[in-house]
Amino acid sequence: MINKIHKIAIITDDVEGAVKFYTETLDLEVVERFPAPDDEDYVFLKAGDMILELMPQKTMALPSGFHHISFKVDDMDASTQALADNGVDMTVEPFNPGVEGLTLAFFDGPNGVPLQLFNRK
């Protein structure tokens, strides 16, 4: 069902400042950018075998800080069904966020920790 932790996402009020910090101070590498209308990009940075996702605060309309842990899955339908079979309710059903081949879904872990399923074909 779940292959691995894929990424950890944080919201920032200064995406480019955060990119500068993570690339220049921690030597992470920008691997992908996703434009947000009228805001800074969403940015994926390679952090070892994982991705650190920077999310623009204006677009997210949430406070800066931790947003979610993402788990990569090969089959979104089978994964959401397995979670349902284990009594987990999805907080956001599978959807495409506007990036071709990408499907996301959200659910809560213990103590309300936001978790995401991530599938990219």
N, C-alpha and C. Protein backbone atom coordinates (compact mmCIF):
# COMPACT_ATOMS: atom_id res chain seq x y z
N MET A 1 0.82 -1.19 0.00
CA MET A 1 0.00 0.00 0.00
C MET A 1 0.87 1.25 0.00
N ILE A 2 1.53 1.56 1.11
CA ILE A 2 2.34 2.77 1.19
C ILE A 2 3.80 2.38 1.01
N ASN A 3 4.44 3.00 0.01
CA ASN A 3 5.83 2.65 -0.31
C ASN A 3 6.84 3.30 0.62
N LYS A 4 6.65 4.60 0.88
CA LYS A 4 7.64 5.33 1.67
C LYS A 4 7.12 6.72 1.94
N ILE A 5 7.76 7.40 2.89
CA ILE A 5 7.48 8.82 3.03
C ILE A 5 8.05 9.49 1.80
N HIS A 6 7.20 10.24 1.13
CA HIS A 6 7.60 10.91 -0.11
C HIS A 6 8.09 12.33 0.17
N LYS A 7 7.32 13.07 0.98
CA LYS A 7 7.70 14.45 1.22
C LYS A 7 7.09 14.97 2.52
N ILE A 8 7.68 16.04 3.00
CA ILE A 8 7.15 16.78 4.13
C ILE A 8 6.89 18.19 3.61
N ALA A 9 5.71 18.72 3.88
CA ALA A 9 5.32 20.02 3.34
C ALA A 9 5.21 21.05 4.44
N ILE A 10 5.75 22.23 4.14
CA ILE A 10 5.62 23.36 5.05
C ILE A 10 5.12 24.57 4.28
N ILE A 11 4.39 25.41 4.97
CA ILE A 11 3.88 26.65 4.40
C ILE A 11 4.84 27.75 4.82
N THR A 12 5.17 28.63 3.88
CA THR A 12 6.08 29.73 4.18
C THR A 12 5.54 31.04 3.60
N ASP A 13 5.82 32.13 4.30
CA ASP A 13 5.40 33.44 3.80
C ASP A 13 6.44 34.04 2.86
N ASP A 14 7.54 33.32 2.61
CA ASP A 14 8.59 33.77 1.71
C ASP A 14 9.24 32.56 1.05
N VAL A 15 8.61 32.07 -0.01
CA VAL A 15 9.09 30.85 -0.67
C VAL A 15 10.52 31.04 -1.16
N GLU A 16 10.79 32.13 -1.85
CA GLU A 16 12.13 32.31 -2.42
C GLU A 16 13.19 32.47 -1.32
N GLY A 17 12.85 33.12 -0.22
CA GLY A 17 13.78 33.20 0.90
C GLY A 17 14.05 31.83 1.49
N ALA A 18 12.99 31.01 1.58
CA ALA A 18 13.16 29.65 2.09
C ALA A 18 13.99 28.81 1.12
N VAL A 19 13.74 28.96 -0.20
CA VAL A 19 14.55 28.25 -1.19
C VAL A 19 16.01 28.62 -1.02
N LYS A 20 16.29 29.90 -0.86
CA LYS A 20 17.68 30.34 -0.68
C LYS A 20 18.28 29.68 0.56
N PHE A 21 17.56 29.68 1.67
CA PHE A 21 18.07 29.05 2.89
C PHE A 21 18.36 27.57 2.67
N TYR A 22 17.37 26.82 2.15
CA TYR A 22 17.54 25.37 2.03
C TYR A 22 18.59 24.99 0.99
N THR A 23 18.75 25.79 -0.08
CA THR A 23 19.75 25.45 -1.09
C THR A 23 21.14 25.91 -0.68
N GLU A 24 21.26 27.12 -0.14
CA GLU A 24 22.58 27.66 0.19
C GLU A 24 23.09 27.19 1.55
N THR A 25 22.21 27.04 2.52
CA THR A 25 22.64 26.67 3.87
C THR A 25 22.68 25.16 4.06
N LEU A 26 21.67 24.46 3.55
CA LEU A 26 21.59 23.01 3.75
C LEU A 26 21.95 22.20 2.51
N ASP A 27 22.26 22.89 1.41
CA ASP A 27 22.70 22.25 0.17
C ASP A 27 21.64 21.34 -0.46
N LEU A 28 20.35 21.64 -0.23
CA LEU A 28 19.30 20.90 -0.91
C LEU A 28 19.21 21.41 -2.35
N GLU A 29 18.59 20.62 -3.21
CA GLU A 29 18.50 20.95 -4.63
C GLU A 29 17.04 21.11 -5.04
N VAL A 30 16.73 22.21 -5.74
CA VAL A 30 15.39 22.40 -6.29
C VAL A 30 15.22 21.39 -7.42
N VAL A 31 14.15 20.57 -7.33
CA VAL A 31 13.93 19.56 -8.37
C VAL A 31 12.67 19.84 -9.18
N GLU A 32 11.77 20.67 -8.65
CA GLU A 32 10.54 20.95 -9.40
C GLU A 32 9.85 22.17 -8.81
N ARG A 33 9.18 22.90 -9.71
CA ARG A 33 8.38 24.07 -9.31
C ARG A 33 7.00 23.95 -9.94
N PHE A 34 6.00 24.37 -9.18
CA PHE A 34 4.63 24.38 -9.66
C PHE A 34 4.09 25.79 -9.45
N PRO A 35 3.72 26.49 -10.54
CA PRO A 35 3.24 27.86 -10.37
C PRO A 35 1.91 27.92 -9.63
N ALA A 36 1.77 28.97 -8.84
CA ALA A 36 0.50 29.28 -8.16
C ALA A 36 0.03 30.63 -8.71
N PRO A 37 -1.21 30.71 -9.16
CA PRO A 37 -1.69 31.98 -9.72
C PRO A 37 -1.56 33.11 -8.70
N ASP A 38 -0.97 34.22 -9.13
CA ASP A 38 -0.84 35.41 -8.29
C ASP A 38 -0.10 35.18 -6.99
N ASP A 39 0.85 34.25 -6.97
CA ASP A 39 1.62 33.97 -5.76
C ASP A 39 2.95 33.34 -6.17
N GLU A 40 3.80 33.08 -5.18
CA GLU A 40 5.05 32.38 -5.44
C GLU A 40 4.76 30.92 -5.79
N ASP A 41 5.75 30.26 -6.37
CA ASP A 41 5.61 28.85 -6.75
C ASP A 41 5.56 27.94 -5.52
N TYR A 42 4.98 26.75 -5.74
CA TYR A 42 5.21 25.62 -4.84
C TYR A 42 6.57 25.07 -5.30
N VAL A 43 7.44 24.69 -4.37
CA VAL A 43 8.77 24.23 -4.74
C VAL A 43 9.07 22.91 -4.05
N PHE A 44 9.58 21.95 -4.83
CA PHE A 44 10.05 20.67 -4.31
C PHE A 44 11.58 20.73 -4.26
N LEU A 45 12.13 20.41 -3.07
CA LEU A 45 13.58 20.34 -2.90
C LEU A 45 13.96 18.92 -2.52
N LYS A 46 15.03 18.41 -3.14
CA LYS A 46 15.51 17.07 -2.82
C LYS A 46 16.23 17.10 -1.49
N ALA A 47 15.78 16.26 -0.58
CA ALA A 47 16.38 16.15 0.75
C ALA A 47 16.68 14.68 1.00
N GLY A 48 17.79 14.20 0.47
CA GLY A 48 18.11 12.78 0.55
C GLY A 48 17.14 12.00 -0.31
N ASP A 49 16.48 11.00 0.28
CA ASP A 49 15.50 10.19 -0.45
C ASP A 49 14.10 10.79 -0.38
N MET A 50 13.99 11.96 0.22
CA MET A 50 12.68 12.59 0.40
C MET A 50 12.66 13.96 -0.27
N ILE A 51 11.47 14.54 -0.31
CA ILE A 51 11.26 15.87 -0.84
C ILE A 51 10.79 16.77 0.30
N LEU A 52 11.29 17.99 0.32
CA LEU A 52 10.76 19.03 1.18
C LEU A 52 9.95 19.95 0.27
N GLU A 53 8.66 20.08 0.55
CA GLU A 53 7.79 20.92 -0.27
C GLU A 53 7.58 22.25 0.44
N LEU A 54 7.82 23.34 -0.29
CA LEU A 54 7.54 24.68 0.21
C LEU A 54 6.24 25.15 -0.45
N MET A 55 5.30 25.57 0.37
CA MET A 55 3.98 25.97 -0.11
C MET A 55 3.77 27.46 0.20
N PRO A 56 3.29 28.26 -0.78
CA PRO A 56 3.11 29.68 -0.54
C PRO A 56 1.93 29.98 0.39
N GLN A 57 2.20 30.78 1.41
CA GLN A 57 1.20 31.06 2.44
C GLN A 57 -0.04 31.75 1.88
N LYS A 58 0.13 32.72 0.98
CA LYS A 58 -1.02 33.45 0.44
C LYS A 58 -2.00 32.48 -0.24
N THR A 59 -1.49 31.60 -1.08
CA THR A 59 -2.34 30.64 -1.78
C THR A 59 -2.98 29.65 -0.81
N MET A 60 -2.21 29.19 0.16
CA MET A 60 -2.73 28.21 1.11
C MET A 60 -3.71 28.82 2.11
N ALA A 61 -3.60 30.13 2.34
CA ALA A 61 -4.48 30.84 3.28
C ALA A 61 -4.46 30.19 4.67
N LEU A 62 -3.27 29.80 5.09
CA LEU A 62 -3.05 29.19 6.40
C LEU A 62 -1.77 29.78 7.00
N PRO A 63 -1.59 29.65 8.31
CA PRO A 63 -0.36 30.16 8.92
C PRO A 63 0.88 29.41 8.44
N SER A 64 2.02 30.06 8.51
CA SER A 64 3.29 29.41 8.17
C SER A 64 3.55 28.26 9.14
N GLY A 65 4.23 27.23 8.65
CA GLY A 65 4.60 26.11 9.49
C GLY A 65 4.31 24.78 8.82
N PHE A 66 4.36 23.73 9.61
CA PHE A 66 4.12 22.36 9.12
C PHE A 66 2.73 22.23 8.50
N HIS A 67 2.64 21.52 7.37
CA HIS A 67 1.34 21.29 6.74
C HIS A 67 0.97 19.82 6.69
N HIS A 68 1.85 18.94 6.19
CA HIS A 68 1.53 17.51 6.13
C HIS A 68 2.76 16.66 5.83
N ILE A 69 2.62 15.36 6.12
CA ILE A 69 3.58 14.34 5.69
C ILE A 69 2.90 13.58 4.56
N SER A 70 3.64 13.35 3.48
CA SER A 70 3.09 12.70 2.29
C SER A 70 3.69 11.31 2.11
N PHE A 71 2.83 10.35 1.80
CA PHE A 71 3.25 8.98 1.52
C PHE A 71 2.99 8.66 0.06
N LYS A 72 4.01 8.15 -0.62
CA LYS A 72 3.88 7.79 -2.03
C LYS A 72 3.18 6.43 -2.14
N VAL A 73 2.20 6.34 -3.03
CA VAL A 73 1.48 5.08 -3.26
C VAL A 73 1.45 4.78 -4.76
N ASP A 74 1.43 3.49 -5.10
CA ASP A 74 1.36 3.08 -6.50
C ASP A 74 -0.06 3.06 -7.03
N ASP A 75 -1.03 2.81 -6.16
CA ASP A 75 -2.43 2.68 -6.57
C ASP A 75 -3.31 3.45 -5.58
N MET A 76 -3.80 4.59 -6.00
CA MET A 76 -4.58 5.45 -5.11
C MET A 76 -5.87 4.75 -4.66
N ASP A 77 -6.57 4.11 -5.58
CA ASP A 77 -7.83 3.45 -5.23
C ASP A 77 -7.61 2.35 -4.20
N ALA A 78 -6.62 1.50 -4.43
CA ALA A 78 -6.34 0.40 -3.50
C ALA A 78 -5.89 0.95 -2.14
N SER A 79 -5.11 2.00 -2.16
CA SER A 79 -4.61 2.57 -0.91
C SER A 79 -5.72 3.22 -0.09
N THR A 80 -6.60 3.97 -0.75
CA THR A 80 -7.70 4.59 0.00
C THR A 80 -8.66 3.53 0.49
N GLN A 81 -8.86 2.46 -0.27
CA GLN A 81 -9.73 1.38 0.17
C GLN A 81 -9.13 0.65 1.37
N ALA A 82 -7.82 0.41 1.33
CA ALA A 82 -7.15 -0.25 2.46
C ALA A 82 -7.27 0.60 3.72
N LEU A 83 -7.14 1.91 3.58
CA LEU A 83 -7.32 2.79 4.73
C LEU A 83 -8.75 2.72 5.24
N ALA A 84 -9.72 2.77 4.34
CA ALA A 84 -11.14 2.67 4.73
C ALA A 84 -11.40 1.35 5.44
N ASP A 85 -10.81 0.26 4.93
CA ASP A 85 -10.98 -1.05 5.55
C ASP A 85 -10.43 -1.08 6.97
N ASN A 86 -9.49 -0.18 7.25
CA ASN A 86 -8.89 -0.08 8.58
C ASN A 86 -9.52 1.04 9.41
N GLY A 87 -10.68 1.52 8.95
CA GLY A 87 -11.42 2.51 9.73
C GLY A 87 -10.97 3.94 9.59
N VAL A 88 -10.16 4.23 8.58
CA VAL A 88 -9.67 5.59 8.37
C VAL A 88 -10.60 6.32 7.41
N ASP A 89 -11.05 7.50 7.83
CA ASP A 89 -11.86 8.37 6.98
C ASP A 89 -10.97 9.37 6.27
N MET A 90 -11.15 9.52 4.98
CA MET A 90 -10.40 10.51 4.23
C MET A 90 -10.95 11.89 4.58
N THR A 91 -10.08 12.85 4.84
CA THR A 91 -10.52 14.22 5.07
C THR A 91 -10.69 14.95 3.75
N VAL A 92 -9.92 14.52 2.73
CA VAL A 92 -10.07 15.01 1.35
C VAL A 92 -9.94 13.79 0.44
N GLU A 93 -11.01 13.49 -0.28
CA GLU A 93 -11.01 12.35 -1.20
C GLU A 93 -10.01 12.59 -2.33
N PRO A 94 -9.57 11.53 -3.02
CA PRO A 94 -8.60 11.68 -4.10
C PRO A 94 -9.04 12.73 -5.14
N PHE A 95 -8.07 13.55 -5.53
CA PHE A 95 -8.34 14.61 -6.52
C PHE A 95 -7.06 14.92 -7.28
N ASN A 96 -7.21 15.55 -8.44
CA ASN A 96 -6.08 16.03 -9.22
C ASN A 96 -5.95 17.53 -8.94
N PRO A 97 -4.76 17.97 -8.47
CA PRO A 97 -4.59 19.38 -8.14
C PRO A 97 -4.26 20.26 -9.33
N GLY A 98 -4.41 19.73 -10.54
CA GLY A 98 -4.15 20.52 -11.74
C GLY A 98 -2.81 20.21 -12.39
N VAL A 99 -2.14 19.17 -11.92
CA VAL A 99 -0.88 18.73 -12.51
C VAL A 99 -1.14 17.38 -13.15
N GLU A 100 -0.85 17.28 -14.44
CA GLU A 100 -1.16 16.04 -15.18
C GLU A 100 -0.54 14.82 -14.51
N GLY A 101 -1.36 13.78 -14.32
CA GLY A 101 -0.89 12.52 -13.76
C GLY A 101 -0.76 12.48 -12.25
N LEU A 102 -1.13 13.56 -11.57
CA LEU A 102 -0.98 13.63 -10.12
C LEU A 102 -2.33 13.46 -9.43
N THR A 103 -2.37 12.62 -8.41
CA THR A 103 -3.56 12.44 -7.59
C THR A 103 -3.14 12.52 -6.13
N LEU A 104 -3.89 13.29 -5.35
CA LEU A 104 -3.63 13.46 -3.92
C LEU A 104 -4.87 13.12 -3.12
N ALA A 105 -4.69 12.72 -1.90
CA ALA A 105 -5.79 12.50 -0.95
C ALA A 105 -5.23 12.79 0.44
N PHE A 106 -6.12 13.18 1.37
CA PHE A 106 -5.68 13.51 2.72
C PHE A 106 -6.48 12.76 3.76
N PHE A 107 -5.80 12.46 4.89
CA PHE A 107 -6.44 11.84 6.04
C PHE A 107 -5.64 12.25 7.27
N ASP A 108 -6.19 12.01 8.44
CA ASP A 108 -5.49 12.35 9.68
C ASP A 108 -4.91 11.11 10.33
N GLY A 109 -3.70 11.26 10.85
CA GLY A 109 -3.07 10.23 11.64
C GLY A 109 -3.38 10.46 13.12
N PRO A 110 -2.73 9.74 13.99
CA PRO A 110 -2.91 9.95 15.43
C PRO A 110 -2.64 11.41 15.81
N ASN A 111 -3.39 11.88 16.78
CA ASN A 111 -3.26 13.25 17.28
C ASN A 111 -3.55 14.30 16.22
N GLY A 112 -4.29 13.91 15.17
CA GLY A 112 -4.69 14.87 14.15
C GLY A 112 -3.59 15.30 13.21
N VAL A 113 -2.49 14.55 13.14
CA VAL A 113 -1.40 14.90 12.21
C VAL A 113 -1.90 14.73 10.78
N PRO A 114 -1.85 15.79 9.96
CA PRO A 114 -2.32 15.69 8.58
C PRO A 114 -1.38 14.81 7.74
N LEU A 115 -1.96 13.84 7.05
CA LEU A 115 -1.22 12.91 6.21
C LEU A 115 -1.79 12.95 4.80
N GLN A 116 -0.95 12.69 3.81
CA GLN A 116 -1.35 12.75 2.41
C GLN A 116 -0.93 11.46 1.70
N LEU A 117 -1.77 11.02 0.77
CA LEU A 117 -1.38 10.00 -0.20
C LEU A 117 -1.02 10.72 -1.49
N PHE A 118 0.07 10.32 -2.12
CA PHE A 118 0.60 10.96 -3.31
C PHE A 118 0.81 9.91 -4.39
N ASN A 119 0.17 10.08 -5.55
CA ASN A 119 0.36 9.16 -6.67
C ASN A 119 0.62 9.99 -7.92
N ARG A 120 1.71 9.67 -8.59
CA ARG A 120 2.05 10.38 -9.84
C ARG A 120 2.38 9.36 -10.90
N LYS A 121 1.64 9.40 -11.96
CA LYS A 121 1.85 8.44 -13.06
C LYS A 121 2.80 9.02 -14.08
